[in-house]
Amino acid sequence: MATYDNRHSRFVARAKVVLPLLALGLLSTLFLFYQGTVDPNDTIIYADVDVSDLAQDENIKSPRYAGVTEDGTAINVSSATIAPSQSQALAHRVETRFETQSGLVVDIRARTGSLDTAQRTVTLSGGAVLQSSSGYVISTDTIASSLQRTEISLPSHVTAVGPFGRIEAGSGELMDQNGSYVLDFQGGVRLLYTPSN
């Protein structure tokens, strides 16, 4: 057995044994007096979401995409949520803004959308509405747009309200013609002209 030649060494040697035993006694007393049972199925009070759904979903909240096309149009795309995948990302409550160098601003809103990173296109669907700074409001089912050039395609039935009146057409397209942007309607175009006062 080790011998200790001073009082301090003897105190340290005893403390090494007594203090851990004292801590063990306090912990066992705690468990003895605690009589509640823990239910592992109980949810946390302040959690508003289902944790199992969160673990399965791979959604990103409030994502934003910003870029510039080859012809100098600034593009901003935002949505409430987006679920990424290998080639396409599916988004909900999508808003897109195009700001051309000539000053034309086009805002598009839709319930859903998909971003194709390989083709560099964005497709908005589910009650898509296009509003331009030139005074046009266009409603359609689907709007497809390139992220490389200023090209907006309206492949399904189009209803447009503008400064001159109302247009209904089978499809439409917004395209760049030598720096000026033209709305071209096709497929059974009907115009209800409203003359200005």
N, C-alpha and C. Protein backbone atom coordinates (compact mmCIF):
# COMPACT_ATOMS: atom_id res chain seq x y z
N MET A 1 0.84 -1.18 0.00
CA MET A 1 0.00 0.00 0.00
C MET A 1 0.88 1.23 0.00
N ALA A 2 0.39 2.28 -0.75
CA ALA A 2 1.20 3.49 -0.88
C ALA A 2 1.18 4.27 0.42
N THR A 3 2.30 4.91 0.73
CA THR A 3 2.40 5.74 1.94
C THR A 3 2.43 7.20 1.54
N TYR A 4 1.79 8.05 2.35
CA TYR A 4 1.71 9.48 2.05
C TYR A 4 2.43 10.24 3.14
N ASP A 5 3.30 11.15 2.70
CA ASP A 5 4.14 11.84 3.68
C ASP A 5 3.61 13.21 4.05
N ASN A 6 2.53 13.65 3.46
CA ASN A 6 1.98 14.93 3.93
C ASN A 6 0.45 14.90 3.92
N ARG A 7 -0.12 15.88 4.55
CA ARG A 7 -1.55 15.92 4.75
C ARG A 7 -2.31 16.14 3.42
N HIS A 8 -1.77 16.95 2.52
CA HIS A 8 -2.40 17.25 1.24
C HIS A 8 -2.55 16.00 0.38
N SER A 9 -1.54 15.19 0.33
CA SER A 9 -1.58 13.96 -0.48
C SER A 9 -2.62 12.99 0.06
N ARG A 10 -2.73 12.92 1.41
CA ARG A 10 -3.74 12.03 1.99
C ARG A 10 -5.16 12.52 1.65
N PHE A 11 -5.36 13.86 1.67
CA PHE A 11 -6.67 14.43 1.34
C PHE A 11 -7.06 14.12 -0.12
N VAL A 12 -6.13 14.28 -1.04
CA VAL A 12 -6.38 14.02 -2.46
C VAL A 12 -6.72 12.55 -2.68
N ALA A 13 -6.00 11.66 -2.02
CA ALA A 13 -6.25 10.23 -2.17
C ALA A 13 -7.64 9.86 -1.68
N ARG A 14 -8.07 10.44 -0.56
CA ARG A 14 -9.41 10.15 -0.05
C ARG A 14 -10.49 10.78 -0.94
N ALA A 15 -10.24 12.00 -1.47
CA ALA A 15 -11.23 12.69 -2.30
C ALA A 15 -11.49 11.92 -3.59
N LYS A 16 -10.47 11.24 -4.10
CA LYS A 16 -10.63 10.43 -5.32
C LYS A 16 -11.64 9.31 -5.11
N VAL A 17 -11.82 8.85 -3.91
CA VAL A 17 -12.76 7.78 -3.63
C VAL A 17 -14.10 8.35 -3.16
N VAL A 18 -14.06 9.36 -2.29
CA VAL A 18 -15.28 9.86 -1.66
C VAL A 18 -16.15 10.65 -2.65
N LEU A 19 -15.57 11.52 -3.46
CA LEU A 19 -16.36 12.37 -4.35
C LEU A 19 -17.14 11.57 -5.40
N PRO A 20 -16.56 10.59 -6.08
CA PRO A 20 -17.37 9.80 -7.01
C PRO A 20 -18.50 9.03 -6.33
N LEU A 21 -18.25 8.52 -5.11
CA LEU A 21 -19.31 7.83 -4.37
C LEU A 21 -20.44 8.80 -4.01
N LEU A 22 -20.07 10.03 -3.65
CA LEU A 22 -21.06 11.05 -3.31
C LEU A 22 -21.91 11.40 -4.54
N ALA A 23 -21.29 11.56 -5.71
CA ALA A 23 -22.02 11.86 -6.94
C ALA A 23 -22.96 10.72 -7.31
N LEU A 24 -22.50 9.49 -7.14
CA LEU A 24 -23.34 8.34 -7.43
C LEU A 24 -24.56 8.29 -6.52
N GLY A 25 -24.36 8.65 -5.25
CA GLY A 25 -25.48 8.69 -4.29
C GLY A 25 -26.49 9.76 -4.65
N LEU A 26 -26.03 10.94 -5.12
CA LEU A 26 -26.96 12.00 -5.52
C LEU A 26 -27.78 11.59 -6.74
N LEU A 27 -27.13 10.98 -7.73
CA LEU A 27 -27.84 10.53 -8.92
C LEU A 27 -28.89 9.46 -8.59
N SER A 28 -28.53 8.51 -7.76
CA SER A 28 -29.49 7.46 -7.41
C SER A 28 -30.66 8.05 -6.63
N THR A 29 -30.43 9.07 -5.81
CA THR A 29 -31.51 9.74 -5.08
C THR A 29 -32.46 10.43 -6.05
N LEU A 30 -31.89 11.06 -7.08
CA LEU A 30 -32.71 11.73 -8.10
C LEU A 30 -33.65 10.73 -8.77
N PHE A 31 -33.13 9.61 -9.20
CA PHE A 31 -33.95 8.60 -9.87
C PHE A 31 -34.97 7.97 -8.93
N LEU A 32 -34.63 7.92 -7.65
CA LEU A 32 -35.52 7.33 -6.67
C LEU A 32 -36.75 8.21 -6.45
N PHE A 33 -36.53 9.54 -6.39
CA PHE A 33 -37.64 10.45 -6.11
C PHE A 33 -38.45 10.80 -7.36
N TYR A 34 -37.89 10.64 -8.54
CA TYR A 34 -38.63 10.94 -9.76
C TYR A 34 -39.52 9.76 -10.10
N GLN A 35 -40.85 9.97 -10.02
CA GLN A 35 -41.77 8.86 -10.21
C GLN A 35 -42.54 8.95 -11.52
N GLY A 36 -42.29 9.99 -12.34
CA GLY A 36 -42.99 10.12 -13.62
C GLY A 36 -42.47 9.10 -14.62
N THR A 37 -43.33 8.75 -15.58
CA THR A 37 -42.91 7.84 -16.63
C THR A 37 -42.79 8.61 -17.93
N VAL A 38 -41.85 8.25 -18.74
CA VAL A 38 -41.61 8.92 -20.01
C VAL A 38 -42.21 8.08 -21.12
N ASP A 39 -43.12 8.70 -21.90
CA ASP A 39 -43.71 8.01 -23.05
C ASP A 39 -42.96 8.42 -24.30
N PRO A 40 -42.24 7.50 -24.94
CA PRO A 40 -41.46 7.88 -26.12
C PRO A 40 -42.32 8.29 -27.30
N ASN A 41 -43.62 7.98 -27.28
CA ASN A 41 -44.50 8.37 -28.37
C ASN A 41 -45.03 9.79 -28.24
N ASP A 42 -44.81 10.42 -27.08
CA ASP A 42 -45.25 11.80 -26.89
C ASP A 42 -44.48 12.72 -27.84
N THR A 43 -45.20 13.68 -28.45
CA THR A 43 -44.53 14.65 -29.32
C THR A 43 -44.10 15.85 -28.50
N ILE A 44 -43.16 16.57 -29.01
CA ILE A 44 -42.70 17.79 -28.34
C ILE A 44 -43.82 18.83 -28.43
N ILE A 45 -44.04 19.55 -27.37
CA ILE A 45 -45.18 20.47 -27.31
C ILE A 45 -45.06 21.57 -28.36
N TYR A 46 -43.86 22.07 -28.59
CA TYR A 46 -43.69 23.21 -29.49
C TYR A 46 -43.44 22.79 -30.93
N ALA A 47 -43.54 21.52 -31.27
CA ALA A 47 -43.34 21.08 -32.66
C ALA A 47 -44.65 21.16 -33.41
N ASP A 48 -44.71 21.98 -34.49
CA ASP A 48 -45.92 22.14 -35.29
C ASP A 48 -45.96 21.18 -36.48
N VAL A 49 -44.93 20.39 -36.67
CA VAL A 49 -44.87 19.51 -37.84
C VAL A 49 -44.66 18.08 -37.40
N ASP A 50 -45.00 17.17 -38.29
CA ASP A 50 -44.77 15.76 -38.04
C ASP A 50 -43.32 15.44 -38.39
N VAL A 51 -42.58 14.95 -37.43
CA VAL A 51 -41.15 14.71 -37.62
C VAL A 51 -40.90 13.64 -38.67
N SER A 52 -41.77 12.63 -38.75
CA SER A 52 -41.58 11.58 -39.75
C SER A 52 -41.75 12.13 -41.16
N ASP A 53 -42.69 13.08 -41.35
CA ASP A 53 -42.85 13.72 -42.67
C ASP A 53 -41.62 14.53 -43.03
N LEU A 54 -41.07 15.22 -42.03
CA LEU A 54 -39.86 16.02 -42.28
C LEU A 54 -38.69 15.15 -42.69
N ALA A 55 -38.59 13.97 -42.10
CA ALA A 55 -37.48 13.09 -42.42
C ALA A 55 -37.58 12.55 -43.84
N GLN A 56 -38.82 12.37 -44.33
CA GLN A 56 -39.00 11.82 -45.67
C GLN A 56 -38.93 12.90 -46.74
N ASP A 57 -39.37 14.14 -46.44
CA ASP A 57 -39.36 15.21 -47.43
C ASP A 57 -37.96 15.77 -47.60
N GLU A 58 -37.66 16.12 -48.85
CA GLU A 58 -36.39 16.77 -49.14
C GLU A 58 -36.64 18.16 -49.70
N ASN A 59 -37.63 18.85 -49.13
CA ASN A 59 -38.00 20.17 -49.63
C ASN A 59 -37.06 21.24 -49.12
N ILE A 60 -36.85 22.24 -49.97
CA ILE A 60 -36.11 23.44 -49.58
C ILE A 60 -37.13 24.56 -49.50
N LYS A 61 -37.12 25.32 -48.42
CA LYS A 61 -38.09 26.39 -48.24
C LYS A 61 -37.54 27.70 -48.76
N SER A 62 -38.41 28.46 -49.44
CA SER A 62 -38.12 29.79 -49.98
C SER A 62 -36.83 29.86 -50.81
N PRO A 63 -36.68 28.99 -51.80
CA PRO A 63 -35.48 29.08 -52.64
C PRO A 63 -35.60 30.23 -53.64
N ARG A 64 -34.43 30.70 -54.12
CA ARG A 64 -34.38 31.78 -55.12
C ARG A 64 -33.33 31.45 -56.16
N TYR A 65 -33.66 31.78 -57.39
CA TYR A 65 -32.70 31.65 -58.49
C TYR A 65 -32.61 33.01 -59.17
N ALA A 66 -31.40 33.47 -59.45
CA ALA A 66 -31.19 34.73 -60.14
C ALA A 66 -30.13 34.54 -61.19
N GLY A 67 -30.34 35.14 -62.35
CA GLY A 67 -29.36 35.03 -63.42
C GLY A 67 -29.64 36.05 -64.50
N VAL A 68 -28.80 36.03 -65.53
CA VAL A 68 -28.93 36.95 -66.66
C VAL A 68 -28.87 36.12 -67.94
N THR A 69 -29.80 36.38 -68.88
CA THR A 69 -29.81 35.65 -70.14
C THR A 69 -28.70 36.17 -71.06
N GLU A 70 -28.51 35.46 -72.17
CA GLU A 70 -27.47 35.86 -73.12
C GLU A 70 -27.74 37.23 -73.72
N ASP A 71 -29.04 37.62 -73.81
CA ASP A 71 -29.36 38.93 -74.38
C ASP A 71 -29.54 40.01 -73.30
N GLY A 72 -29.12 39.71 -72.06
CA GLY A 72 -29.05 40.73 -71.01
C GLY A 72 -30.28 40.92 -70.16
N THR A 73 -31.25 40.01 -70.23
CA THR A 73 -32.44 40.11 -69.38
C THR A 73 -32.17 39.48 -68.01
N ALA A 74 -32.48 40.22 -66.95
CA ALA A 74 -32.32 39.70 -65.59
C ALA A 74 -33.52 38.83 -65.23
N ILE A 75 -33.24 37.63 -64.71
CA ILE A 75 -34.30 36.69 -64.33
C ILE A 75 -34.21 36.40 -62.83
N ASN A 76 -35.35 36.46 -62.16
CA ASN A 76 -35.44 36.07 -60.74
C ASN A 76 -36.59 35.09 -60.60
N VAL A 77 -36.29 33.91 -60.04
CA VAL A 77 -37.31 32.89 -59.81
C VAL A 77 -37.32 32.58 -58.32
N SER A 78 -38.50 32.60 -57.71
CA SER A 78 -38.63 32.25 -56.29
C SER A 78 -39.87 31.40 -56.11
N SER A 79 -39.88 30.62 -55.03
CA SER A 79 -41.05 29.78 -54.74
C SER A 79 -41.14 29.55 -53.24
N ALA A 80 -42.29 29.03 -52.81
CA ALA A 80 -42.48 28.73 -51.39
C ALA A 80 -41.64 27.53 -50.99
N THR A 81 -41.70 26.45 -51.79
CA THR A 81 -40.89 25.26 -51.53
C THR A 81 -40.43 24.69 -52.86
N ILE A 82 -39.37 23.92 -52.80
CA ILE A 82 -38.88 23.22 -53.99
C ILE A 82 -38.33 21.87 -53.56
N ALA A 83 -38.62 20.84 -54.35
CA ALA A 83 -38.13 19.49 -54.08
C ALA A 83 -37.13 19.13 -55.18
N PRO A 84 -35.84 19.14 -54.85
CA PRO A 84 -34.84 18.89 -55.89
C PRO A 84 -34.77 17.42 -56.30
N SER A 85 -34.41 17.19 -57.56
CA SER A 85 -34.16 15.85 -58.06
C SER A 85 -32.95 15.94 -58.99
N GLN A 86 -32.65 14.86 -59.69
CA GLN A 86 -31.44 14.84 -60.50
C GLN A 86 -31.50 15.82 -61.66
N SER A 87 -32.60 15.82 -62.43
CA SER A 87 -32.66 16.70 -63.60
C SER A 87 -33.68 17.81 -63.45
N GLN A 88 -34.76 17.57 -62.68
CA GLN A 88 -35.81 18.57 -62.52
C GLN A 88 -36.07 18.83 -61.05
N ALA A 89 -36.43 20.08 -60.75
CA ALA A 89 -36.82 20.45 -59.40
C ALA A 89 -38.27 20.92 -59.44
N LEU A 90 -39.13 20.36 -58.59
CA LEU A 90 -40.55 20.71 -58.57
C LEU A 90 -40.80 21.74 -57.48
N ALA A 91 -41.48 22.82 -57.84
CA ALA A 91 -41.69 23.94 -56.92
C ALA A 91 -43.17 24.22 -56.75
N HIS A 92 -43.52 24.88 -55.64
CA HIS A 92 -44.90 25.28 -55.34
C HIS A 92 -44.94 26.78 -55.10
N ARG A 93 -46.03 27.41 -55.57
CA ARG A 93 -46.24 28.86 -55.48
C ARG A 93 -45.02 29.61 -56.03
N VAL A 94 -44.91 29.55 -57.35
CA VAL A 94 -43.73 30.08 -58.05
C VAL A 94 -43.99 31.49 -58.54
N GLU A 95 -42.98 32.35 -58.41
CA GLU A 95 -43.02 33.70 -58.96
C GLU A 95 -41.74 33.92 -59.76
N THR A 96 -41.91 34.45 -60.99
CA THR A 96 -40.77 34.69 -61.87
C THR A 96 -40.84 36.12 -62.37
N ARG A 97 -39.69 36.78 -62.43
CA ARG A 97 -39.63 38.16 -62.95
C ARG A 97 -38.54 38.27 -63.99
N PHE A 98 -38.90 38.87 -65.14
CA PHE A 98 -37.96 39.17 -66.21
C PHE A 98 -37.85 40.69 -66.32
N GLU A 99 -36.63 41.20 -66.31
CA GLU A 99 -36.39 42.63 -66.51
C GLU A 99 -35.45 42.78 -67.69
N THR A 100 -35.99 43.27 -68.82
CA THR A 100 -35.19 43.38 -70.03
C THR A 100 -34.36 44.67 -70.00
N GLN A 101 -33.38 44.75 -70.88
CA GLN A 101 -32.54 45.94 -70.96
C GLN A 101 -33.32 47.14 -71.47
N SER A 102 -34.38 46.88 -72.25
CA SER A 102 -35.18 47.99 -72.78
C SER A 102 -36.17 48.54 -71.75
N GLY A 103 -36.27 47.88 -70.56
CA GLY A 103 -37.13 48.39 -69.50
C GLY A 103 -38.43 47.62 -69.32
N LEU A 104 -38.70 46.64 -70.18
CA LEU A 104 -39.91 45.83 -70.04
C LEU A 104 -39.76 44.90 -68.83
N VAL A 105 -40.79 44.85 -67.99
CA VAL A 105 -40.80 43.97 -66.82
C VAL A 105 -41.98 43.01 -66.97
N VAL A 106 -41.70 41.71 -66.84
CA VAL A 106 -42.73 40.68 -66.94
C VAL A 106 -42.73 39.87 -65.66
N ASP A 107 -43.87 39.83 -64.97
CA ASP A 107 -44.03 39.03 -63.75
C ASP A 107 -44.95 37.87 -64.05
N ILE A 108 -44.56 36.67 -63.61
CA ILE A 108 -45.37 35.46 -63.81
C ILE A 108 -45.57 34.79 -62.46
N ARG A 109 -46.82 34.38 -62.20
CA ARG A 109 -47.16 33.65 -60.97
C ARG A 109 -47.88 32.37 -61.36
N ALA A 110 -47.61 31.29 -60.62
CA ALA A 110 -48.30 30.02 -60.86
C ALA A 110 -48.29 29.20 -59.59
N ARG A 111 -49.23 28.23 -59.52
CA ARG A 111 -49.31 27.36 -58.33
C ARG A 111 -48.13 26.40 -58.26
N THR A 112 -47.72 25.85 -59.42
CA THR A 112 -46.61 24.90 -59.43
C THR A 112 -45.65 25.25 -60.56
N GLY A 113 -44.47 24.67 -60.48
CA GLY A 113 -43.48 24.89 -61.53
C GLY A 113 -42.39 23.85 -61.45
N SER A 114 -41.67 23.72 -62.57
CA SER A 114 -40.53 22.80 -62.59
C SER A 114 -39.36 23.49 -63.26
N LEU A 115 -38.19 23.28 -62.69
CA LEU A 115 -36.95 23.84 -63.21
C LEU A 115 -36.12 22.70 -63.76
N ASP A 116 -35.87 22.75 -65.07
CA ASP A 116 -35.07 21.72 -65.74
C ASP A 116 -33.66 22.27 -65.88
N THR A 117 -32.76 21.75 -65.05
CA THR A 117 -31.39 22.28 -65.05
C THR A 117 -30.61 21.85 -66.28
N ALA A 118 -30.94 20.70 -66.85
CA ALA A 118 -30.23 20.23 -68.05
C ALA A 118 -30.59 21.08 -69.26
N GLN A 119 -31.89 21.35 -69.46
CA GLN A 119 -32.35 22.14 -70.60
C GLN A 119 -32.34 23.64 -70.31
N ARG A 120 -32.13 24.00 -69.06
CA ARG A 120 -32.14 25.40 -68.61
C ARG A 120 -33.46 26.08 -68.98
N THR A 121 -34.55 25.43 -68.54
CA THR A 121 -35.89 25.98 -68.76
C THR A 121 -36.68 25.92 -67.47
N VAL A 122 -37.66 26.79 -67.35
CA VAL A 122 -38.59 26.76 -66.23
C VAL A 122 -40.00 26.70 -66.81
N THR A 123 -40.82 25.78 -66.30
CA THR A 123 -42.20 25.62 -66.76
C THR A 123 -43.13 25.87 -65.59
N LEU A 124 -44.04 26.83 -65.74
CA LEU A 124 -44.99 27.18 -64.71
C LEU A 124 -46.37 26.68 -65.12
N SER A 125 -47.10 26.08 -64.20
CA SER A 125 -48.41 25.51 -64.53
C SER A 125 -49.35 25.67 -63.36
N GLY A 126 -50.62 25.36 -63.63
CA GLY A 126 -51.62 25.46 -62.56
C GLY A 126 -52.09 26.89 -62.38
N GLY A 127 -52.81 27.41 -63.37
CA GLY A 127 -53.33 28.78 -63.25
C GLY A 127 -52.25 29.83 -63.35
N ALA A 128 -51.45 29.77 -64.40
CA ALA A 128 -50.35 30.72 -64.57
C ALA A 128 -50.90 32.08 -65.04
N VAL A 129 -50.37 33.15 -64.46
CA VAL A 129 -50.76 34.51 -64.83
C VAL A 129 -49.50 35.31 -65.14
N LEU A 130 -49.48 35.92 -66.34
CA LEU A 130 -48.36 36.76 -66.76
C LEU A 130 -48.84 38.20 -66.77
N GLN A 131 -48.07 39.09 -66.16
CA GLN A 131 -48.41 40.51 -66.15
C GLN A 131 -47.19 41.29 -66.60
N SER A 132 -47.38 42.15 -67.62
CA SER A 132 -46.25 42.91 -68.15
C SER A 132 -46.41 44.39 -67.81
N SER A 133 -45.28 45.09 -67.78
CA SER A 133 -45.31 46.52 -67.48
C SER A 133 -45.94 47.33 -68.61
N SER A 134 -46.13 46.70 -69.78
CA SER A 134 -46.79 47.38 -70.90
C SER A 134 -48.31 47.32 -70.81
N GLY A 135 -48.85 46.68 -69.76
CA GLY A 135 -50.28 46.71 -69.51
C GLY A 135 -51.03 45.45 -69.86
N TYR A 136 -50.34 44.36 -70.19
CA TYR A 136 -50.99 43.10 -70.53
C TYR A 136 -51.09 42.20 -69.31
N VAL A 137 -52.24 41.53 -69.16
CA VAL A 137 -52.42 40.49 -68.16
C VAL A 137 -52.89 39.26 -68.91
N ILE A 138 -52.11 38.18 -68.86
CA ILE A 138 -52.39 36.98 -69.63
C ILE A 138 -52.61 35.81 -68.68
N SER A 139 -53.70 35.09 -68.87
CA SER A 139 -54.01 33.90 -68.08
C SER A 139 -53.95 32.68 -68.99
N THR A 140 -53.30 31.62 -68.50
CA THR A 140 -53.18 30.39 -69.27
C THR A 140 -52.86 29.24 -68.32
N ASP A 141 -52.85 28.03 -68.85
CA ASP A 141 -52.56 26.86 -68.01
C ASP A 141 -51.06 26.69 -67.77
N THR A 142 -50.27 26.89 -68.84
CA THR A 142 -48.85 26.60 -68.77
C THR A 142 -48.05 27.71 -69.43
N ILE A 143 -46.94 28.08 -68.79
CA ILE A 143 -46.00 29.04 -69.36
C ILE A 143 -44.62 28.43 -69.27
N ALA A 144 -43.94 28.35 -70.41
CA ALA A 144 -42.58 27.81 -70.44
C ALA A 144 -41.62 28.92 -70.82
N SER A 145 -40.47 28.94 -70.16
CA SER A 145 -39.51 30.00 -70.42
C SER A 145 -38.10 29.46 -70.41
N SER A 146 -37.27 30.03 -71.26
CA SER A 146 -35.86 29.68 -71.30
C SER A 146 -35.12 30.53 -70.27
N LEU A 147 -34.07 29.97 -69.69
CA LEU A 147 -33.21 30.73 -68.79
C LEU A 147 -31.97 31.23 -69.51
N GLN A 148 -31.84 30.91 -70.81
CA GLN A 148 -30.68 31.34 -71.60
C GLN A 148 -31.00 32.54 -72.47
N ARG A 149 -32.24 32.60 -73.01
CA ARG A 149 -32.65 33.68 -73.88
C ARG A 149 -34.00 34.21 -73.38
N THR A 150 -34.36 35.42 -73.82
CA THR A 150 -35.65 35.99 -73.43
C THR A 150 -36.71 35.42 -74.37
N GLU A 151 -37.24 34.26 -74.01
CA GLU A 151 -38.28 33.58 -74.77
C GLU A 151 -39.30 33.02 -73.78
N ILE A 152 -40.54 33.46 -73.93
CA ILE A 152 -41.62 32.96 -73.08
C ILE A 152 -42.67 32.35 -73.99
N SER A 153 -42.95 31.07 -73.79
CA SER A 153 -43.90 30.35 -74.63
C SER A 153 -45.18 30.09 -73.85
N LEU A 154 -46.32 30.30 -74.52
CA LEU A 154 -47.64 30.05 -73.95
C LEU A 154 -48.30 28.97 -74.81
N PRO A 155 -48.02 27.69 -74.55
CA PRO A 155 -48.44 26.62 -75.46
C PRO A 155 -49.92 26.26 -75.41
N SER A 156 -50.63 26.64 -74.35
CA SER A 156 -52.04 26.26 -74.24
C SER A 156 -52.92 27.50 -74.39
N HIS A 157 -54.24 27.31 -74.27
CA HIS A 157 -55.21 28.39 -74.49
C HIS A 157 -54.85 29.63 -73.68
N VAL A 158 -54.94 30.80 -74.34
CA VAL A 158 -54.50 32.06 -73.75
C VAL A 158 -55.65 33.04 -73.72
N THR A 159 -55.81 33.73 -72.59
CA THR A 159 -56.73 34.86 -72.49
C THR A 159 -55.91 36.07 -72.05
N ALA A 160 -55.90 37.11 -72.90
CA ALA A 160 -55.08 38.29 -72.62
C ALA A 160 -55.96 39.52 -72.56
N VAL A 161 -55.72 40.34 -71.55
CA VAL A 161 -56.41 41.62 -71.44
C VAL A 161 -55.34 42.70 -71.51
N GLY A 162 -55.53 43.65 -72.45
CA GLY A 162 -54.53 44.69 -72.65
C GLY A 162 -55.17 46.06 -72.81
N PRO A 163 -54.36 47.06 -73.15
CA PRO A 163 -54.87 48.43 -73.30
C PRO A 163 -55.92 48.55 -74.41
N PHE A 164 -55.90 47.68 -75.39
CA PHE A 164 -56.80 47.76 -76.54
C PHE A 164 -58.06 46.93 -76.37
N GLY A 165 -58.07 45.96 -75.44
CA GLY A 165 -59.24 45.09 -75.28
C GLY A 165 -58.84 43.71 -74.80
N ARG A 166 -59.51 42.69 -75.35
CA ARG A 166 -59.33 41.31 -74.89
C ARG A 166 -59.01 40.41 -76.08
N ILE A 167 -58.03 39.50 -75.87
CA ILE A 167 -57.64 38.55 -76.91
C ILE A 167 -57.78 37.14 -76.36
N GLU A 168 -58.33 36.24 -77.18
CA GLU A 168 -58.32 34.81 -76.88
C GLU A 168 -57.63 34.11 -78.03
N ALA A 169 -56.72 33.18 -77.70
CA ALA A 169 -55.96 32.49 -78.73
C ALA A 169 -55.61 31.09 -78.26
N GLY A 170 -55.23 30.24 -79.23
CA GLY A 170 -54.85 28.87 -78.90
C GLY A 170 -53.49 28.79 -78.24
N SER A 171 -52.59 29.74 -78.56
CA SER A 171 -51.25 29.76 -77.96
C SER A 171 -50.66 31.15 -78.17
N GLY A 172 -49.50 31.35 -77.62
CA GLY A 172 -48.83 32.64 -77.77
C GLY A 172 -47.36 32.53 -77.44
N GLU A 173 -46.65 33.62 -77.73
CA GLU A 173 -45.20 33.63 -77.48
C GLU A 173 -44.73 35.07 -77.34
N LEU A 174 -43.87 35.30 -76.36
CA LEU A 174 -43.19 36.58 -76.21
C LEU A 174 -41.77 36.38 -76.71
N MET A 175 -41.38 37.17 -77.73
CA MET A 175 -40.05 36.96 -78.30
C MET A 175 -39.38 38.29 -78.58
N ASP A 176 -38.07 38.20 -78.69
CA ASP A 176 -37.22 39.36 -78.96
C ASP A 176 -37.08 39.53 -80.47
N GLN A 177 -37.42 40.72 -80.96
CA GLN A 177 -37.21 41.04 -82.38
C GLN A 177 -36.34 42.28 -82.46
N ASN A 178 -35.04 42.05 -82.57
CA ASN A 178 -34.06 43.14 -82.69
C ASN A 178 -34.16 44.15 -81.55
N GLY A 179 -34.22 43.63 -80.33
CA GLY A 179 -34.20 44.50 -79.15
C GLY A 179 -35.56 44.93 -78.65
N SER A 180 -36.62 44.75 -79.44
CA SER A 180 -37.97 45.05 -78.97
C SER A 180 -38.72 43.73 -78.80
N TYR A 181 -39.59 43.67 -77.81
CA TYR A 181 -40.26 42.42 -77.46
C TYR A 181 -41.70 42.43 -77.97
N VAL A 182 -42.08 41.35 -78.66
CA VAL A 182 -43.36 41.26 -79.34
C VAL A 182 -44.14 40.07 -78.78
N LEU A 183 -45.44 40.30 -78.49
CA LEU A 183 -46.35 39.22 -78.11
C LEU A 183 -47.02 38.72 -79.38
N ASP A 184 -46.78 37.47 -79.73
CA ASP A 184 -47.33 36.88 -80.94
C ASP A 184 -48.37 35.83 -80.55
N PHE A 185 -49.63 36.05 -80.93
CA PHE A 185 -50.72 35.12 -80.63
C PHE A 185 -51.02 34.29 -81.86
N GLN A 186 -51.34 32.99 -81.65
CA GLN A 186 -51.57 32.07 -82.77
C GLN A 186 -52.73 31.15 -82.43
N GLY A 187 -53.30 30.53 -83.46
CA GLY A 187 -54.30 29.48 -83.26
C GLY A 187 -55.68 29.99 -82.92
N GLY A 188 -56.45 30.41 -83.93
CA GLY A 188 -57.83 30.86 -83.69
C GLY A 188 -57.91 32.10 -82.83
N VAL A 189 -57.19 33.14 -83.23
CA VAL A 189 -57.13 34.38 -82.44
C VAL A 189 -58.44 35.15 -82.57
N ARG A 190 -59.01 35.55 -81.42
CA ARG A 190 -60.21 36.37 -81.40
C ARG A 190 -59.90 37.62 -80.60
N LEU A 191 -60.21 38.78 -81.19
CA LEU A 191 -59.94 40.07 -80.56
C LEU A 191 -61.25 40.79 -80.30
N LEU A 192 -61.46 41.19 -79.07
CA LEU A 192 -62.58 42.07 -78.73
C LEU A 192 -61.98 43.44 -78.45
N TYR A 193 -62.10 44.33 -79.42
CA TYR A 193 -61.45 45.63 -79.33
C TYR A 193 -62.31 46.60 -78.52
N THR A 194 -61.66 47.26 -77.56
CA THR A 194 -62.33 48.27 -76.75
C THR A 194 -61.68 49.61 -77.03
N PRO A 195 -62.33 50.48 -77.79
CA PRO A 195 -61.71 51.77 -78.12
C PRO A 195 -61.56 52.65 -76.87
N SER A 196 -60.45 53.35 -76.81
CA SER A 196 -60.23 54.24 -75.66
C SER A 196 -61.02 55.52 -75.86
N ASN A 197 -61.41 56.13 -74.71
CA ASN A 197 -62.20 57.36 -74.80
C ASN A 197 -61.28 58.51 -75.17
